[in-house]
Structure formats: C-alpha cells, structure tokens
Amino acid sequence: MDIDRPANVSFFDFVGGVQLLQREETRTAMPVILIGICVSGAVGNLLVLLIFIRDFRNGKGSEVKALLASLASTDLVILLLCAPVRAVTYYKQTWTLGTFVCSTTDWFQHSCVVAKTLILAVTTRAKHTLVPSTATGSLYSPTWIHGALAFIWVVSMITAGTPVCVSEMPVCASDFMSLFYKIYPTAAFVAPVVLTLAYYTRALHTAVNHAPCPQHQSKVTLVLLCVSGAHGLMLLPEWGTFTWIRLGYNKPPVGLRIFAQVLFYACSSLSPVILMTMYDDVREGLMSVWFVATCRGSKRLPGKKCPKTEGNGAEVGANAVSNAISQDTEKTFPDVEHFWTGRRNTHVEEDQDPVPWEKEEKML
C-alpha cells in the first residue's frame, strides 16, 4: 500500500504488511505458499515439542532441549498467529482485520524474531548433559533458564518498538532514529548470530580433535550450528528489508519484500526438519511416537498384538522379529503332527524284521 508521506515527517510506512500485487496468479499463489508453510511447519514444531516433553517426563531432559523447546514454541506461535494474517492480507489486497491486529501483528512478529535470535545465543551457555531429577521423579528445572527466557522476551518486546499501525518519524527525530536503526539490527541480529556461529564452529573443532567422546558431543554441536546458520541466513533478507525501509527514502522492490517474508516463515518450518534428521534424541523420539501411534490404531483390530515400546526403535523391531521367529518354531504343522501321532505307540519286536523285503530268503 503506497501512502503519500506527509511533509513534516521523514519516514512514513504502513506496518500492516499490505503488498499490492498486480498479477492475479501471484495474488492467489502467495496465500497458498504461506498456508503450505504454516501447515507443514506447525506439524513439525508440534512433533518436536511432544518429543521434548516426553524426554523430560522420562528423565532425559537437558538444558539445550529446554531452550530448543522454547525455540520450537516461538516458531509455532509465528506460524499459527502471524503467517495467516499475511496470507489473508495478500489475498484481500487490503486490511480487513481491524485496528488492533494492524497495530500488533508486526510488533509481535518482530518480537518473536529477536527472541529466536537471543534463544539460540543462550544455547551456547547451556549444558548438553541430562538434567537431574528429584527423588519423587519430577523434573528439576534450572532457575537460570526461566530467568533467561523471561529476560529475552522482555527485551524483545521492548526493542521491537510500540504497537502501531502507521509508523511516522518526525523530521526533528530523524537523526536519532537513523542512528537507532543502525544499532538495533546490529545488536539484535548481527552480533548474536555471528557470536553463536563462531562459538559452535570453535566448539565443533574442539569436540572433534580434543573431546574424550567426540562422536556424541560433535553431533549435538553440529545440530546447533546448522540450526543457527539456517536461522541467520534465512532471516537476513527480512532484516535487510527492515533496515532498508527505515533508512532509505525509496522502498525496496516488492519482489524482494515478498521473498524475505517467505524465507522468514520457511525458517520456522526448517528448524524441526533439521532436528528430526540430525538430532539423535529427536529422531529416536519420533520413532517411539510413531510406534505408539501405530499401536493405538492396531488395538481396534481383534487378535493383533502390538510390540512393546521399550528402548529405541531398533530394539522394538528386533523384539518383534524375535517374537515372530519363536512363535514359528513352537508351531507344529498339522500334517506332520498327524503322521507322528499315528506311529507314536508302535512297538517292534526283536524277532520281527521291520523291513521284511531285505531278508535274503528264497521266495517259493
């Protein structure tokens, strides 16, 4: 939506996310793409959350898992609350969701972006080991994680600005805001991403060359490095257009803004894919959830037993195969059983030759 800038302001922008698309097919394709990203990403993040909750209940939680669960929750909120608003706006080509949503959607979305970046930065100080449990079996959660998450969200909501629908910057405040919009992206995005990537690169090199058990530690570090790298690269266009709009007099091309928004939502859908394919604990938990889901479906069928879900998926499969083999060995075929039943009590006397035709006697 192009709105003429008043004479007494140096920056004027409608922050509701309206993009006027000239071509009808593009107007229809963008909501479809966003809805597809929302559905797939929401399912993936929900599965990751269920797996982490299951690990915490079983006493297999860790500080890294707690922070990754917070990251998945943030991605889920973005996909369920922010992306549908964009899809409706692209389709309607005008704002129809009211003033409150208009003034809060960009502010809340940007708060989530800053929170994701800071959560990944905090994971560099978290431990990969299991969190101890109390004698009653309840999970013991470190206090610093709750404090760090609360601090992250407070800082994110404050630095993201105030909920407004139309952003105006007077000429008298242009110098200060110009300096602020240079410092803010650097402190909220560039510095945390660079420090996080540098830390995990160094930690991966140390784990491979000097760790006593390099295989497990290097795998976890590689997963966190991939998540942080994907996060930084896919959010770079969004932050670039954000800075461009607020520092430049000319707005960036519409195609660049659309591309940045698609990558922004795709980033929330890519994180669970990385965790499911590279993180061993998440992958084993996904297999366990799959076995539990198939077992519940098989209970409706009479006479079909479901294998126990103790251990990982490979152990469950091995137990199922061994049970099937033992059942086959104990089963006696009916024809063979009838053959031996008829000859079970037979008795051969000593004088009687069981094979009379082998006697060397002349036949009369």
Protein backbone atom coordinates (compact mmCIF):
# COMPACT_ATOMS: atom_id res chain seq x y z
CA MET A 1 0.00 0.00 0.00
CA ASP A 2 1.58 3.23 -1.11
CA ILE A 3 0.59 6.18 1.05
CA ASP A 4 1.85 9.70 0.39
CA ARG A 5 4.31 10.83 3.04
CA PRO A 6 3.32 13.98 4.95
CA ALA A 7 5.59 17.00 4.65
CA ASN A 8 6.52 17.17 8.34
CA VAL A 9 7.78 13.60 8.66
CA SER A 10 10.88 11.93 7.26
CA PHE A 11 9.55 8.38 7.47
CA PHE A 12 6.01 7.18 6.88
CA ASP A 13 5.10 3.50 6.47
CA PHE A 14 2.04 1.30 6.82
CA VAL A 15 3.18 -1.61 9.02
CA GLY A 16 0.19 -3.85 8.46
CA GLY A 17 2.04 -5.87 5.86
CA VAL A 18 -0.06 -4.95 2.84
CA GLN A 19 1.54 -5.67 -0.52
CA LEU A 20 -0.31 -4.65 -3.68
CA LEU A 21 0.29 -7.45 -6.21
CA GLN A 22 -0.58 -6.58 -9.78
CA ARG A 23 -0.91 -10.10 -11.20
CA GLU A 24 -3.88 -12.24 -10.19
CA GLU A 25 -1.93 -15.52 -10.19
CA THR A 26 0.63 -14.06 -7.79
CA ARG A 27 -2.11 -12.84 -5.53
CA THR A 28 -3.52 -16.39 -5.36
CA ALA A 29 -0.15 -18.20 -5.22
CA MET A 30 1.22 -16.32 -2.22
CA PRO A 31 -1.57 -17.34 0.21
CA VAL A 32 -1.26 -20.95 -0.96
CA ILE A 33 2.51 -20.93 -0.37
CA LEU A 34 2.14 -19.36 3.07
CA ILE A 35 -0.61 -21.78 4.11
CA GLY A 36 1.51 -24.74 2.98
CA ILE A 37 4.47 -23.46 5.00
CA CYS A 38 2.20 -22.90 8.01
CA VAL A 39 0.72 -26.40 7.98
CA SER A 40 3.98 -28.26 7.47
CA GLY A 41 5.89 -26.11 9.94
CA ALA A 42 3.20 -26.31 12.60
CA VAL A 43 3.10 -30.11 12.40
CA GLY A 44 6.90 -30.35 12.61
CA ASN A 45 7.24 -27.98 15.58
CA LEU A 46 4.37 -29.70 17.40
CA LEU A 47 6.07 -33.08 16.99
CA VAL A 48 9.35 -31.66 18.30
CA LEU A 49 7.56 -30.24 21.33
CA LEU A 50 5.86 -33.57 22.05
CA ILE A 51 9.19 -35.39 21.80
CA PHE A 52 10.90 -32.97 24.19
CA ILE A 53 8.01 -33.18 26.67
CA ARG A 54 8.25 -36.97 26.55
CA ASP A 55 12.01 -36.80 27.20
CA PHE A 56 11.51 -34.51 30.20
CA ARG A 57 8.89 -36.82 31.68
CA ASN A 58 11.22 -39.80 31.24
CA GLY A 59 14.12 -38.01 32.93
CA LYS A 60 16.06 -37.46 29.68
CA GLY A 61 15.83 -33.68 29.58
CA SER A 62 18.71 -31.24 29.30
CA GLU A 63 19.22 -27.51 29.26
CA VAL A 64 19.73 -27.49 25.50
CA LYS A 65 16.48 -29.40 25.00
CA ALA A 66 14.63 -26.87 27.16
CA LEU A 67 15.90 -23.97 25.03
CA LEU A 68 15.19 -25.82 21.78
CA ALA A 69 11.65 -26.46 23.04
CA SER A 70 11.30 -22.71 23.60
CA LEU A 71 12.55 -22.10 20.07
CA ALA A 72 10.01 -24.58 18.67
CA SER A 73 7.24 -22.88 20.68
CA THR A 74 8.23 -19.49 19.22
CA ASP A 75 8.20 -20.90 15.69
CA LEU A 76 4.81 -22.47 16.32
CA VAL A 77 3.38 -19.14 17.51
CA ILE A 78 4.75 -17.36 14.42
CA LEU A 79 3.25 -19.92 12.05
CA LEU A 80 -0.15 -20.02 13.76
CA LEU A 81 -0.65 -16.32 14.53
CA CYS A 82 1.48 -14.23 12.18
CA ALA A 83 1.60 -16.13 8.89
CA PRO A 84 -2.20 -16.46 8.44
CA VAL A 85 -2.50 -12.68 8.79
CA ARG A 86 -0.07 -12.23 5.92
CA ALA A 87 -1.91 -14.79 3.79
CA VAL A 88 -5.25 -13.01 4.27
CA THR A 89 -3.66 -9.65 3.50
CA TYR A 90 -2.10 -10.91 0.28
CA TYR A 91 -5.41 -12.33 -0.87
CA LYS A 92 -7.63 -9.36 0.07
CA GLN A 93 -5.07 -6.71 -1.04
CA THR A 94 -6.39 -4.50 1.73
CA TRP A 95 -6.53 -4.57 5.52
CA THR A 96 -9.71 -6.15 6.88
CA LEU A 97 -8.63 -7.41 10.32
CA GLY A 98 -9.19 -4.28 12.39
CA THR A 99 -7.01 -1.68 14.03
CA PHE A 100 -5.83 -3.82 16.95
CA VAL A 101 -4.42 -6.57 14.75
CA CYS A 102 -2.91 -3.99 12.43
CA SER A 103 -1.06 -2.31 15.28
CA THR A 104 0.16 -5.52 16.94
CA THR A 105 0.93 -8.01 14.18
CA ASP A 106 4.30 -6.57 13.04
CA TRP A 107 5.33 -5.69 16.58
CA PHE A 108 4.61 -9.21 17.86
CA GLN A 109 6.22 -10.85 14.84
CA HIS A 110 9.37 -8.79 15.22
CA SER A 111 9.49 -9.58 18.93
CA CYS A 112 9.48 -13.28 18.06
CA VAL A 113 12.34 -12.75 15.60
CA VAL A 114 14.50 -11.09 18.23
CA ALA A 115 13.56 -13.77 20.79
CA LYS A 116 14.60 -16.59 18.42
CA THR A 117 17.99 -14.99 17.83
CA LEU A 118 18.65 -14.49 21.54
CA ILE A 119 17.48 -18.02 22.44
CA LEU A 120 19.99 -19.51 20.02
CA ALA A 121 22.68 -17.29 21.54
CA VAL A 122 21.80 -18.52 25.05
CA THR A 123 22.15 -22.16 23.96
CA THR A 124 25.91 -21.56 23.78
CA ARG A 125 26.00 -21.44 27.60
CA ALA A 126 23.65 -24.40 28.15
CA LYS A 127 24.79 -27.90 29.07
CA HIS A 128 24.16 -30.93 26.87
CA THR A 129 24.08 -33.35 29.81
CA LEU A 130 20.87 -34.69 31.36
CA VAL A 131 19.09 -32.62 33.98
CA PRO A 132 18.92 -34.49 37.32
CA SER A 133 15.55 -35.47 38.74
CA THR A 134 14.36 -35.36 42.32
CA ALA A 135 13.52 -38.37 44.42
CA THR A 136 9.84 -38.05 43.60
CA GLY A 137 10.57 -38.25 39.89
CA SER A 138 9.59 -34.70 38.94
CA LEU A 139 11.83 -32.73 36.65
CA TYR A 140 14.26 -30.30 38.22
CA SER A 141 14.40 -27.22 36.01
CA PRO A 142 17.38 -24.86 36.40
CA THR A 143 16.32 -21.43 37.54
CA TRP A 144 18.65 -19.61 35.15
CA ILE A 145 16.79 -20.97 32.10
CA HIS A 146 13.48 -19.49 33.28
CA GLY A 147 15.18 -16.21 34.10
CA ALA A 148 16.97 -16.10 30.75
CA LEU A 149 13.77 -16.77 28.80
CA ALA A 150 11.85 -14.13 30.75
CA PHE A 151 14.64 -11.61 30.17
CA ILE A 152 14.77 -12.47 26.45
CA TRP A 153 11.06 -11.92 25.90
CA VAL A 154 11.01 -8.66 27.87
CA VAL A 155 13.95 -7.29 25.90
CA SER A 156 12.44 -8.48 22.60
CA MET A 157 9.09 -6.81 23.20
CA ILE A 158 10.71 -3.56 24.31
CA THR A 159 13.24 -3.28 21.49
CA ALA A 160 10.71 -4.26 18.81
CA GLY A 161 9.02 -0.89 19.28
CA THR A 162 5.48 0.04 20.19
CA PRO A 163 2.33 -1.44 18.66
CA VAL A 164 1.36 0.96 15.87
CA CYS A 165 -0.46 0.58 12.58
CA VAL A 166 1.15 3.50 10.75
CA SER A 167 4.75 4.36 11.60
CA GLU A 168 5.66 8.05 11.41
CA MET A 169 9.02 9.61 12.22
CA PRO A 170 9.15 13.42 12.54
CA VAL A 171 11.97 15.35 10.93
CA CYS A 172 13.29 16.53 14.29
CA ALA A 173 13.89 12.91 15.38
CA SER A 174 15.31 11.68 12.10
CA ASP A 175 18.96 11.86 13.19
CA PHE A 176 18.39 9.93 16.41
CA MET A 177 16.19 7.30 14.76
CA SER A 178 18.66 6.92 11.92
CA LEU A 179 21.35 6.05 14.47
CA PHE A 180 18.94 3.77 16.34
CA TYR A 181 18.01 1.79 13.23
CA LYS A 182 21.70 1.17 12.60
CA ILE A 183 22.45 0.00 16.14
CA TYR A 184 19.28 -2.01 16.67
CA PRO A 185 19.71 -4.60 13.85
CA THR A 186 23.37 -4.97 14.77
CA ALA A 187 22.67 -5.63 18.44
CA ALA A 188 19.52 -7.73 17.93
CA PHE A 189 20.54 -9.82 14.92
CA VAL A 190 24.06 -9.45 13.53
CA ALA A 191 26.05 -9.67 16.77
CA PRO A 192 24.13 -12.64 18.31
CA VAL A 193 24.21 -14.65 15.06
CA VAL A 194 27.93 -14.04 14.44
CA LEU A 195 28.87 -14.89 18.04
CA THR A 196 26.70 -18.03 18.01
CA LEU A 197 28.14 -19.33 14.75
CA ALA A 198 31.71 -18.56 15.89
CA TYR A 199 31.17 -20.34 19.21
CA TYR A 200 29.71 -23.51 17.68
CA THR A 201 32.37 -23.62 14.96
CA ARG A 202 35.08 -23.46 17.60
CA ALA A 203 33.23 -25.97 19.82
CA LEU A 204 32.84 -28.39 16.90
CA HIS A 205 36.56 -28.18 16.12
CA THR A 206 37.39 -28.79 19.79
CA ALA A 207 34.95 -31.69 20.10
CA VAL A 208 36.33 -33.45 17.03
CA ASN A 209 40.01 -33.07 17.96
CA HIS A 210 40.21 -32.97 21.75
CA ALA A 211 36.99 -34.32 23.33
CA PRO A 212 37.20 -37.71 25.13
CA CYS A 213 33.93 -38.81 23.48
CA PRO A 214 33.87 -36.74 20.27
CA GLN A 215 31.08 -38.57 18.45
CA HIS A 216 28.09 -37.62 20.64
CA GLN A 217 29.29 -34.14 21.55
CA SER A 218 30.19 -33.24 17.97
CA LYS A 219 26.76 -34.39 16.73
CA VAL A 220 24.89 -32.11 19.14
CA THR A 221 27.20 -29.21 18.36
CA LEU A 222 26.76 -29.76 14.61
CA VAL A 223 22.97 -29.73 15.01
CA LEU A 224 23.05 -26.43 16.89
CA LEU A 225 25.48 -24.98 14.33
CA CYS A 226 23.16 -25.94 11.46
CA VAL A 227 20.09 -24.50 13.20
CA SER A 228 21.91 -21.23 13.96
CA GLY A 229 23.33 -20.99 10.43
CA ALA A 230 19.96 -21.62 8.77
CA HIS A 231 18.36 -19.11 11.12
CA GLY A 232 20.91 -16.41 10.28
CA LEU A 233 20.85 -16.91 6.52
CA MET A 234 17.07 -17.15 6.12
CA LEU A 235 16.36 -14.12 8.31
CA LEU A 236 19.00 -11.93 6.66
CA PRO A 237 16.64 -10.71 3.85
CA GLU A 238 13.95 -9.83 6.41
CA TRP A 239 16.36 -7.77 8.48
CA GLY A 240 17.82 -6.24 5.32
CA THR A 241 14.46 -5.01 4.07
CA PHE A 242 13.57 -3.82 7.57
CA THR A 243 16.69 -1.65 7.71
CA TRP A 244 16.31 -0.54 4.10
CA ILE A 245 12.76 0.71 4.65
CA ARG A 246 13.68 2.72 7.74
CA LEU A 247 16.95 4.18 6.48
CA GLY A 248 16.21 4.76 2.81
CA TYR A 249 13.78 7.16 1.22
CA ASN A 250 12.88 4.67 -1.51
CA LYS A 251 11.25 1.41 -0.55
CA PRO A 252 12.82 -1.89 -1.64
CA PRO A 253 11.25 -3.77 -4.56
CA VAL A 254 8.04 -5.61 -3.83
CA GLY A 255 9.56 -8.88 -5.03
CA LEU A 256 12.39 -8.59 -2.51
CA ARG A 257 9.97 -7.95 0.35
CA ILE A 258 7.84 -10.93 -0.64
CA PHE A 259 10.93 -13.16 -0.92
CA ALA A 260 12.09 -12.01 2.51
CA GLN A 261 8.73 -12.81 4.10
CA VAL A 262 8.59 -16.28 2.52
CA LEU A 263 12.08 -17.07 3.82
CA PHE A 264 11.09 -15.74 7.22
CA TYR A 265 8.22 -18.21 7.60
CA ALA A 266 10.17 -21.01 5.91
CA CYS A 267 12.84 -20.60 8.58
CA SER A 268 10.30 -21.53 11.24
CA SER A 269 9.45 -24.66 9.24
CA LEU A 270 13.07 -25.68 8.60
CA SER A 271 14.20 -25.88 12.22
CA PRO A 272 12.13 -29.00 13.09
CA VAL A 273 13.35 -30.69 9.89
CA ILE A 274 16.97 -30.20 10.96
CA LEU A 275 16.24 -31.52 14.45
CA MET A 276 14.37 -34.59 13.17
CA THR A 277 17.04 -35.57 10.68
CA MET A 278 20.24 -34.74 12.60
CA TYR A 279 19.45 -34.87 16.34
CA ASP A 280 19.61 -38.49 17.53
CA ASP A 281 17.34 -37.97 20.55
CA VAL A 282 14.65 -36.30 18.46
CA ARG A 283 14.88 -38.96 15.77
CA GLU A 284 14.55 -41.80 18.29
CA GLY A 285 11.68 -39.99 19.98
CA LEU A 286 9.95 -39.61 16.63
CA MET A 287 10.26 -43.37 16.05
CA SER A 288 8.81 -44.04 19.51
CA VAL A 289 5.89 -41.70 18.84
CA TRP A 290 5.29 -43.49 15.54
CA PHE A 291 5.22 -46.89 17.25
CA VAL A 292 2.83 -45.60 19.93
CA ALA A 293 0.52 -44.16 17.25
CA THR A 294 0.51 -47.41 15.26
CA CYS A 295 -0.11 -49.46 18.40
CA ARG A 296 -3.18 -47.42 19.29
CA GLY A 297 -4.54 -47.94 15.81
CA SER A 298 -3.87 -51.69 15.91
CA LYS A 299 -5.76 -52.16 19.20
CA ARG A 300 -9.01 -51.78 17.30
CA LEU A 301 -8.22 -54.89 15.24
CA PRO A 302 -9.02 -58.17 17.08
CA GLY A 303 -6.22 -60.64 17.69
CA LYS A 304 -3.41 -58.26 16.74
CA LYS A 305 -0.85 -57.54 19.41
CA CYS A 306 1.43 -54.55 19.40
CA PRO A 307 5.13 -54.75 20.28
CA LYS A 308 6.33 -53.10 23.44
CA THR A 309 7.87 -49.66 23.05
CA GLU A 310 10.73 -50.11 25.46
CA GLY A 311 14.05 -48.78 24.25
CA ASN A 312 14.63 -47.27 20.86
CA GLY A 313 13.05 -48.16 17.55
CA ALA A 314 15.74 -50.68 16.57
CA GLU A 315 15.21 -52.65 19.79
CA VAL A 316 11.47 -52.68 19.23
CA GLY A 317 11.93 -54.01 15.71
CA ALA A 318 14.36 -56.69 16.92
CA ASN A 319 11.95 -57.80 19.64
CA ALA A 320 9.13 -58.05 17.13
CA VAL A 321 11.24 -60.19 14.79
CA SER A 322 12.43 -62.48 17.61
CA ASN A 323 8.86 -62.94 18.84
CA ALA A 324 7.70 -63.88 15.35
CA ILE A 325 10.55 -66.42 14.97
CA SER A 326 9.83 -68.02 18.37
CA GLN A 327 6.16 -68.35 17.51
CA ASP A 328 7.01 -70.04 14.21
CA THR A 329 9.37 -72.53 15.88
CA GLU A 330 6.83 -73.53 18.53
CA LYS A 331 4.10 -74.11 15.96
CA THR A 332 3.73 -77.73 14.65
CA PHE A 333 2.39 -78.29 11.19
CA PRO A 334 -0.87 -80.33 11.19
CA ASP A 335 0.31 -82.88 8.59
CA VAL A 336 3.49 -83.75 10.45
CA GLU A 337 1.61 -83.92 13.75
CA HIS A 338 -0.89 -86.42 12.28
CA PHE A 339 1.96 -88.50 10.87
CA TRP A 340 3.73 -88.86 14.20
CA THR A 341 0.53 -89.34 16.22
CA GLY A 342 -0.37 -92.48 14.30
CA ARG A 343 3.04 -94.02 14.94
CA ARG A 344 3.76 -92.81 18.42
CA ASN A 345 2.94 -96.09 20.31
CA THR A 346 4.16 -98.55 17.74
CA HIS A 347 6.42 -101.36 19.03
CA VAL A 348 8.70 -103.59 17.04
CA GLU A 349 9.58 -106.99 18.44
CA GLU A 350 13.09 -108.24 18.33
CA ASP A 351 12.26 -111.22 16.09
CA GLN A 352 10.22 -109.17 13.72
CA ASP A 353 12.07 -107.54 10.92
CA PRO A 354 10.66 -104.10 10.23
CA VAL A 355 11.83 -104.38 6.63
CA PRO A 356 10.92 -107.93 5.55
CA TRP A 357 11.85 -107.48 1.92
CA GLU A 358 15.52 -107.15 2.88
CA LYS A 359 15.81 -110.75 4.06
CA GLU A 360 17.93 -112.93 1.91
CA GLU A 361 15.39 -115.79 1.59
CA LYS A 362 14.32 -117.59 -1.49
CA MET A 363 10.78 -116.98 -2.47
CA LEU A 364 8.71 -120.10 -3.10
